[in-house]
Amino acid sequence: MGIAQMGRAWSGVSGAGGVAEFAEPLCELKGRTDRGYAALAARGGVSGSAPHRYCSGASVPGDYEVIARFGKACGASGEELLEPHRRWVLADAERKRAVSRAPAAVSAARTGATAASADPAAPAVSDGETGSGLVRAAPTPLSPCSPVAAHPPPRAGSCCRRPRRSTDPQTYPQRNPQRNPQTYPQTKETKTTMTVTRTRTRLGALLGGAVLATTGVLTAQSAVAAPSVPPAADAPSAVAVTKLSHSDAANRLRAAGVSWTSSGGCSDRNTPTCTSFEQINLTTVQGAGTLKQASGCALTITGGTETGHASGTYSHWNGYKLDFSPTSCLSNYITGTFSNIGPRPGDGAQQYKSGSGNIYARESNHWDVTYYNCGGC
């Protein structure tokens, strides 16, 4: 859909901006994806209920980056985000004006209540009418998604309408299907592929006493693939990740202008002389593209997810790391842009931390980069 078409599709509410207009393109984007609000909230870095408040017109975020991440998670292109950005600017300005008017409105309400109690014979003034030189302004229209708004109910399939969950025990036998194996039988394959949630205590024991800041989520495959060691340099907690095949990752890296090489001229993950991207994290590939774009340097990957690297949770094998050839352009960019956080325990490699939290360690013949996220993609 082009930007002109989206502008026409999202022009249902007339007027100069406002929270109601701001919510329309978000509802449109939400309707284009099968992701739930919780998944969109995780990708946008906000609370689980925030996306629904934005789509229903109940609130406006103070930072446009939240909306940009929301749109990308829904599959919007850069051109398609122009209209949501314009409406966010107008809605944010309206929100700020409302905040600045709030103290005056409270004061006026108290003054009016005092005057009304002092003069009980004063005639009532209806909305929009004048009486004794006073005019009561018409009420401000509420959001179309508000349950008490003076508007028709949202159309069928609108993202603002939440179906009411039935309380019939026959329809919803229980909230936790794992406690009722007869109602929700689990096959051996399901148990193998399901996501395993680790609490701080279990992760602390798994990592040899290292305590993470928040609860981590590891896939069953990652938990078994390699033994865990304490993460380096303030590593954030693990999150569910998207895995790529070697061919998919290679196509993405090639499109980003990133090249790679291997001493064995191969891509077999189980051969240490190969360079493989099999089961690499999507955020790691995106992080390499971000580094290429930000530095402007020629990037050559010399190590991926193949065997032969150090083990651990945030390891090459688990898809979190890439090795880069240490060209002078790349080395100058890393040391001049990121913060030096001291030597790495164990091998003494100097470490540099980016603003997004990714770690760049200068080993003897390469840069060892740990991607906890895509680096601001």
Protein backbone atom coordinates (compact mmCIF):
# COMPACT_ATOMS: atom_id res chain seq x y z
CA MET A 1 0.00 0.00 0.00
CA GLY A 2 1.50 3.39 -1.01
CA ILE A 3 1.66 6.40 1.30
CA ALA A 4 -1.11 8.18 -0.60
CA GLN A 5 -3.42 5.18 -0.27
CA MET A 6 -2.63 4.85 3.45
CA GLY A 7 -3.35 8.54 3.96
CA ARG A 8 -6.81 8.06 2.42
CA ALA A 9 -7.42 4.86 4.39
CA TRP A 10 -6.55 6.54 7.69
CA SER A 11 -8.49 9.79 7.25
CA GLY A 12 -11.69 8.62 8.93
CA VAL A 13 -11.70 11.31 11.65
CA SER A 14 -11.70 14.93 10.51
CA GLY A 15 -9.87 17.67 12.34
CA ALA A 16 -6.30 18.70 12.98
CA GLY A 17 -4.71 15.70 14.62
CA GLY A 18 -5.76 14.37 18.00
CA VAL A 19 -5.53 11.13 19.88
CA ALA A 20 -8.42 9.59 17.91
CA GLU A 21 -6.67 10.20 14.56
CA PHE A 22 -3.39 8.95 16.01
CA ALA A 23 -4.96 5.60 16.90
CA GLU A 24 -6.37 4.90 13.42
CA PRO A 25 -3.13 4.00 11.56
CA LEU A 26 -2.01 1.89 14.51
CA CYS A 27 -5.27 -0.10 14.34
CA GLU A 28 -4.70 -0.51 10.61
CA LEU A 29 -1.13 -1.79 11.15
CA LYS A 30 -2.26 -4.11 13.98
CA GLY A 31 -4.84 -5.63 11.66
CA ARG A 32 -2.12 -6.60 9.19
CA THR A 33 -0.26 -8.90 11.59
CA ASP A 34 -1.22 -11.98 13.56
CA ARG A 35 1.00 -10.98 16.49
CA GLY A 36 -0.76 -10.31 19.78
CA TYR A 37 -0.37 -7.18 21.90
CA ALA A 38 2.11 -8.93 24.21
CA ALA A 39 4.42 -9.81 21.30
CA LEU A 40 4.20 -6.27 19.89
CA ALA A 41 4.90 -4.85 23.35
CA ALA A 42 8.03 -6.99 23.68
CA ARG A 43 9.33 -5.82 20.31
CA GLY A 44 8.48 -2.19 21.12
CA GLY A 45 10.13 -2.29 24.55
CA VAL A 46 6.97 -1.19 26.41
CA SER A 47 4.58 -2.76 28.92
CA GLY A 48 2.18 -5.46 27.77
CA SER A 49 -0.88 -3.19 27.88
CA ALA A 50 0.71 -0.16 26.19
CA PRO A 51 0.05 -1.18 22.52
CA HIS A 52 -3.65 -1.71 23.22
CA ARG A 53 -3.86 1.73 24.88
CA TYR A 54 -2.25 3.30 21.81
CA CYS A 55 -4.53 1.47 19.38
CA SER A 56 -7.63 2.35 21.41
CA GLY A 57 -6.71 6.03 21.66
CA ALA A 58 -6.42 5.86 25.45
CA SER A 59 -2.87 7.24 25.51
CA VAL A 60 -0.04 8.61 23.35
CA PRO A 61 3.62 7.59 23.90
CA GLY A 62 6.06 10.37 24.68
CA ASP A 63 8.68 8.94 22.28
CA TYR A 64 8.05 8.27 18.57
CA GLU A 65 10.61 5.44 18.58
CA VAL A 66 7.98 3.30 20.33
CA ILE A 67 5.63 3.79 17.37
CA ALA A 68 8.43 3.15 14.87
CA ARG A 69 9.24 -0.19 16.50
CA PHE A 70 5.52 -1.03 16.66
CA GLY A 71 5.15 -0.32 12.93
CA LYS A 72 8.19 -2.39 11.97
CA ALA A 73 6.92 -5.30 14.06
CA CYS A 74 3.66 -5.07 12.08
CA GLY A 75 5.57 -5.12 8.76
CA ALA A 76 5.28 -1.41 7.87
CA SER A 77 7.82 0.12 5.49
CA GLY A 78 9.60 3.41 6.11
CA GLU A 79 7.23 5.16 3.73
CA GLU A 80 4.20 3.73 5.49
CA LEU A 81 5.44 5.11 8.83
CA LEU A 82 5.32 8.73 7.59
CA GLU A 83 1.58 9.07 8.24
CA PRO A 84 1.75 7.56 11.79
CA HIS A 85 4.65 9.94 12.54
CA ARG A 86 2.64 12.96 11.38
CA ARG A 87 -0.33 11.98 13.51
CA TRP A 88 1.88 11.24 16.50
CA VAL A 89 3.34 14.77 16.30
CA LEU A 90 -0.17 16.26 16.35
CA ALA A 91 -1.43 13.94 19.09
CA ASP A 92 1.68 14.55 21.23
CA ALA A 93 1.19 18.30 20.90
CA GLU A 94 -2.47 17.91 21.92
CA ARG A 95 -1.43 15.78 24.90
CA LYS A 96 1.06 18.41 26.05
CA ARG A 97 -1.56 21.14 25.71
CA ALA A 98 -4.00 19.07 27.75
CA VAL A 99 -1.40 18.64 30.48
CA SER A 100 -0.71 22.37 30.56
CA ARG A 101 -4.45 23.14 30.71
CA ALA A 102 -5.17 20.67 33.50
CA PRO A 103 -4.27 22.97 36.48
CA ALA A 104 -6.32 25.83 35.04
CA ALA A 105 -9.29 23.53 34.41
CA VAL A 106 -9.22 22.26 38.00
CA SER A 107 -9.05 25.81 39.33
CA ALA A 108 -11.94 26.93 37.12
CA ALA A 109 -14.03 23.93 38.18
CA ARG A 110 -13.50 24.75 41.85
CA THR A 111 -14.36 28.41 41.25
CA GLY A 112 -17.52 27.45 39.34
CA ALA A 113 -18.62 25.07 42.08
CA THR A 114 -18.16 27.78 44.69
CA ALA A 115 -20.17 30.28 42.63
CA ALA A 116 -22.97 27.79 42.03
CA SER A 117 -23.31 27.02 45.73
CA ALA A 118 -23.36 30.72 46.56
CA ASP A 119 -26.13 31.47 44.02
CA PRO A 120 -28.59 28.53 43.91
CA ALA A 121 -31.05 30.54 41.84
CA ALA A 122 -28.65 30.88 38.92
CA PRO A 123 -30.24 29.46 35.72
CA ALA A 124 -28.84 26.27 34.27
CA VAL A 125 -26.87 26.64 31.06
CA SER A 126 -27.17 23.88 28.50
CA ASP A 127 -24.34 22.81 26.23
CA GLY A 128 -23.61 25.39 23.57
CA GLU A 129 -26.14 27.92 24.88
CA THR A 130 -25.57 31.30 26.51
CA GLY A 131 -27.12 32.48 29.73
CA SER A 132 -26.26 35.47 31.89
CA GLY A 133 -23.21 36.00 29.72
CA LEU A 134 -21.84 32.48 30.35
CA VAL A 135 -21.20 29.77 27.77
CA ARG A 136 -20.56 26.15 28.57
CA ALA A 137 -18.31 24.56 25.97
CA ALA A 138 -19.47 21.40 24.26
CA PRO A 139 -17.80 18.30 25.68
CA THR A 140 -14.64 17.12 23.93
CA PRO A 141 -15.39 14.03 21.79
CA LEU A 142 -13.89 10.87 23.20
CA SER A 143 -11.79 8.35 21.30
CA PRO A 144 -13.75 6.10 18.90
CA CYS A 145 -12.35 3.14 20.80
CA SER A 146 -13.48 4.38 24.23
CA PRO A 147 -16.33 2.31 25.71
CA VAL A 148 -18.24 5.49 26.67
CA ALA A 149 -17.54 7.52 23.51
CA ALA A 150 -20.48 9.12 21.72
CA HIS A 151 -19.61 7.28 18.52
CA PRO A 152 -20.88 4.13 16.83
CA PRO A 153 -19.17 0.94 18.07
CA PRO A 154 -15.97 -0.02 16.19
CA ARG A 155 -16.35 -1.99 13.01
CA ALA A 156 -16.15 -5.77 13.06
CA GLY A 157 -12.56 -6.95 13.27
CA SER A 158 -11.33 -3.64 14.70
CA CYS A 159 -8.24 -3.97 16.85
CA CYS A 160 -9.93 -1.88 19.51
CA ARG A 161 -12.62 -4.46 20.23
CA ARG A 162 -11.64 -7.21 22.65
CA PRO A 163 -13.86 -10.31 22.65
CA ARG A 164 -15.16 -11.13 26.10
CA ARG A 165 -13.84 -14.42 27.37
CA SER A 166 -16.51 -16.91 28.26
CA THR A 167 -16.63 -18.11 31.86
CA ASP A 168 -18.23 -21.38 30.82
CA PRO A 169 -15.96 -24.15 32.22
CA GLN A 170 -16.91 -26.32 29.24
CA THR A 171 -15.51 -23.70 26.83
CA TYR A 172 -12.40 -22.82 28.88
CA PRO A 173 -11.72 -25.79 31.22
CA GLN A 174 -8.71 -24.11 32.84
CA ARG A 175 -6.15 -21.33 32.31
CA ASN A 176 -3.08 -23.53 32.61
CA PRO A 177 -3.16 -26.34 30.03
CA GLN A 178 -0.05 -27.94 31.50
CA ARG A 179 -2.02 -28.97 34.58
CA ASN A 180 -4.56 -30.95 32.60
CA PRO A 181 -2.78 -33.46 30.35
CA GLN A 182 -6.07 -35.12 29.43
CA THR A 183 -7.53 -31.91 27.98
CA TYR A 184 -4.25 -30.72 26.42
CA PRO A 185 -2.08 -33.79 25.75
CA GLN A 186 1.53 -32.97 25.02
CA THR A 187 3.53 -35.07 22.61
CA LYS A 188 7.23 -35.78 22.99
CA GLU A 189 7.92 -33.43 20.06
CA THR A 190 6.06 -30.58 21.75
CA LYS A 191 8.05 -31.02 24.94
CA THR A 192 11.30 -30.93 22.95
CA THR A 193 10.54 -27.70 21.09
CA MET A 194 8.68 -25.75 23.78
CA THR A 195 10.36 -22.72 25.36
CA VAL A 196 11.83 -23.33 28.82
CA THR A 197 11.53 -20.44 31.26
CA ARG A 198 14.27 -20.21 33.88
CA THR A 199 13.92 -18.27 37.13
CA ARG A 200 16.81 -16.28 38.63
CA THR A 201 17.60 -19.08 41.07
CA ARG A 202 17.76 -21.78 38.39
CA LEU A 203 19.78 -19.58 36.07
CA GLY A 204 22.15 -18.76 38.92
CA ALA A 205 22.79 -22.46 39.49
CA LEU A 206 23.08 -23.13 35.74
CA LEU A 207 25.61 -20.36 35.19
CA GLY A 208 27.78 -21.37 38.16
CA GLY A 209 26.46 -18.72 40.55
CA ALA A 210 26.09 -15.79 38.16
CA VAL A 211 22.78 -14.02 38.84
CA LEU A 212 21.03 -12.32 35.96
CA ALA A 213 19.04 -9.12 36.34
CA THR A 214 15.74 -10.55 35.14
CA THR A 215 14.20 -13.93 34.34
CA GLY A 216 15.80 -15.47 31.24
CA VAL A 217 14.16 -17.56 28.55
CA LEU A 218 16.22 -20.21 26.80
CA THR A 219 15.13 -22.60 24.12
CA ALA A 220 15.51 -26.27 24.93
CA GLN A 221 17.93 -26.63 22.04
CA SER A 222 20.19 -23.81 23.31
CA ALA A 223 20.15 -25.15 26.86
CA VAL A 224 21.44 -28.55 25.71
CA ALA A 225 23.77 -27.42 22.90
CA ALA A 226 26.71 -26.27 25.02
CA PRO A 227 27.64 -26.00 28.70
CA SER A 228 27.08 -22.57 30.24
CA VAL A 229 29.70 -20.24 31.64
CA PRO A 230 29.29 -16.83 33.34
CA PRO A 231 28.46 -14.15 30.72
CA ALA A 232 31.01 -11.42 30.13
CA ALA A 233 30.76 -7.72 30.91
CA ASP A 234 27.27 -7.07 32.26
CA ALA A 235 25.49 -9.36 29.81
CA PRO A 236 21.67 -8.87 29.80
CA SER A 237 19.33 -11.76 30.47
CA ALA A 238 18.57 -14.18 27.64
CA VAL A 239 15.41 -13.70 25.59
CA ALA A 240 13.57 -15.83 23.08
CA VAL A 241 15.33 -15.51 19.72
CA THR A 242 14.58 -16.18 16.06
CA LYS A 243 16.95 -18.67 14.43
CA LEU A 244 18.04 -18.57 10.77
CA SER A 245 19.35 -21.18 8.39
CA HIS A 246 22.77 -20.70 6.79
CA SER A 247 21.30 -19.79 3.40
CA ASP A 248 18.83 -17.29 4.88
CA ALA A 249 21.51 -15.61 6.98
CA ALA A 250 23.94 -15.54 4.03
CA ASN A 251 21.34 -13.81 1.84
CA ARG A 252 20.64 -11.20 4.52
CA LEU A 253 24.35 -10.50 5.10
CA ARG A 254 25.01 -10.28 1.37
CA ALA A 255 22.15 -7.79 0.98
CA ALA A 256 23.65 -5.68 3.81
CA GLY A 257 27.05 -5.60 2.09
CA VAL A 258 28.79 -7.88 4.60
CA SER A 259 31.17 -10.57 3.30
CA TRP A 260 32.68 -13.65 4.96
CA THR A 261 35.53 -16.11 4.54
CA SER A 262 36.72 -19.42 5.99
CA SER A 263 40.10 -21.12 6.07
CA GLY A 264 38.50 -24.36 4.89
CA GLY A 265 36.33 -22.77 2.20
CA CYS A 266 33.20 -24.45 3.58
CA SER A 267 30.05 -23.82 5.64
CA ASP A 268 29.64 -27.07 7.58
CA ARG A 269 28.70 -26.20 11.15
CA ASN A 270 30.45 -29.25 12.58
CA THR A 271 33.81 -28.48 10.95
CA PRO A 272 35.92 -25.92 12.86
CA THR A 273 37.71 -24.65 9.72
CA CYS A 274 34.38 -23.67 8.10
CA THR A 275 32.40 -20.47 8.59
CA SER A 276 28.74 -21.34 9.19
CA PHE A 277 25.65 -19.27 9.97
CA GLU A 278 23.39 -22.24 10.68
CA GLN A 279 21.09 -21.51 13.68
CA ILE A 280 22.43 -17.96 14.04
CA ASN A 281 20.16 -15.43 15.76
CA LEU A 282 18.28 -13.00 13.54
CA THR A 283 19.37 -10.12 15.81
CA THR A 284 23.03 -11.09 15.31
CA VAL A 285 22.70 -10.83 11.52
CA GLN A 286 20.83 -7.54 11.89
CA GLY A 287 23.55 -6.30 14.24
CA ALA A 288 26.21 -6.96 11.59
CA GLY A 289 24.15 -4.93 9.12
CA THR A 290 23.81 -2.11 11.65
CA LEU A 291 27.60 -2.10 12.21
CA LYS A 292 28.21 -1.99 8.47
CA GLN A 293 25.84 0.93 7.99
CA ALA A 294 27.06 2.90 11.01
CA SER A 295 30.80 2.45 10.46
CA GLY A 296 30.89 2.62 6.67
CA CYS A 297 33.72 0.06 6.80
CA ALA A 298 34.16 -3.08 4.72
CA LEU A 299 33.22 -5.98 7.02
CA THR A 300 34.52 -9.53 6.62
CA ILE A 301 33.22 -12.25 8.94
CA THR A 302 35.78 -14.90 9.88
CA GLY A 303 33.76 -16.88 12.42
CA GLY A 304 30.10 -17.79 12.88
CA THR A 305 28.20 -20.61 14.58
CA GLU A 306 30.62 -23.42 13.67
CA THR A 307 32.16 -25.61 16.34
CA GLY A 308 35.56 -24.83 17.81
CA HIS A 309 34.73 -21.62 19.69
CA ALA A 310 34.36 -21.16 23.46
CA SER A 311 31.14 -22.55 24.92
CA GLY A 312 28.56 -20.65 26.96
CA THR A 313 25.08 -19.20 26.83
CA TYR A 314 26.10 -16.19 24.71
CA SER A 315 28.41 -18.17 22.45
CA HIS A 316 29.12 -18.63 18.75
CA TRP A 317 27.35 -22.01 18.77
CA ASN A 318 24.19 -20.51 20.28
CA GLY A 319 24.09 -17.80 17.61
CA TYR A 320 25.07 -14.72 19.64
CA LYS A 321 28.59 -14.09 18.28
CA LEU A 322 30.45 -13.18 15.11
CA ASP A 323 34.18 -12.70 14.47
CA PHE A 324 35.26 -9.83 12.20
CA SER A 325 38.56 -9.19 10.47
CA PRO A 326 40.28 -6.30 12.41
CA THR A 327 40.75 -3.76 9.63
CA SER A 328 42.04 -0.33 10.62
CA CYS A 329 38.72 1.24 9.61
CA LEU A 330 36.69 -1.09 11.84
CA SER A 331 39.15 -0.90 14.76
CA ASN A 332 39.21 2.91 14.69
CA TYR A 333 35.42 3.03 14.60
CA ILE A 334 34.96 0.65 17.55
CA THR A 335 37.62 2.20 19.80
CA GLY A 336 36.57 5.75 18.91
CA THR A 337 32.81 5.26 19.23
CA PHE A 338 32.16 2.73 21.99
CA SER A 339 33.07 2.80 25.71
CA ASN A 340 36.10 0.87 26.93
CA ILE A 341 34.96 -1.34 29.82
CA GLY A 342 38.29 -3.00 30.56
CA PRO A 343 39.82 -6.40 29.90
CA ARG A 344 37.74 -9.55 29.61
CA PRO A 345 38.24 -12.05 32.45
CA GLY A 346 40.15 -15.09 31.33
CA ASP A 347 42.01 -13.86 28.25
CA GLY A 348 42.45 -10.13 28.96
CA ALA A 349 40.94 -9.02 25.63
CA GLN A 350 40.05 -5.33 25.74
CA GLN A 351 36.27 -4.86 25.63
CA TYR A 352 34.18 -2.02 24.23
CA LYS A 353 30.47 -1.63 24.91
CA SER A 354 28.07 0.01 22.45
CA GLY A 355 25.14 2.17 23.49
CA SER A 356 22.77 -0.73 22.84
CA GLY A 357 24.75 -3.06 25.14
CA ASN A 358 26.60 -5.21 22.57
CA ILE A 359 30.21 -6.14 23.46
CA TYR A 360 33.22 -5.86 21.13
CA ALA A 361 36.33 -7.73 22.37
CA ARG A 362 39.69 -7.30 20.59
CA GLU A 363 41.29 -10.72 20.41
CA SER A 364 44.68 -11.43 18.84
CA ASN A 365 43.58 -11.62 15.21
CA HIS A 366 39.93 -10.59 15.12
CA TRP A 367 37.11 -8.66 16.78
CA ASP A 368 34.89 -11.00 18.83
CA VAL A 369 31.42 -9.38 18.89
CA THR A 370 28.56 -10.48 21.17
CA TYR A 371 25.13 -9.36 19.95
CA TYR A 372 22.48 -9.23 22.65
CA ASN A 373 20.31 -7.20 20.24
CA CYS A 374 20.44 -5.83 16.72
CA GLY A 375 22.25 -2.66 17.77
CA GLY A 376 19.42 -0.23 17.00
CA CYS A 377 18.16 -1.69 13.70
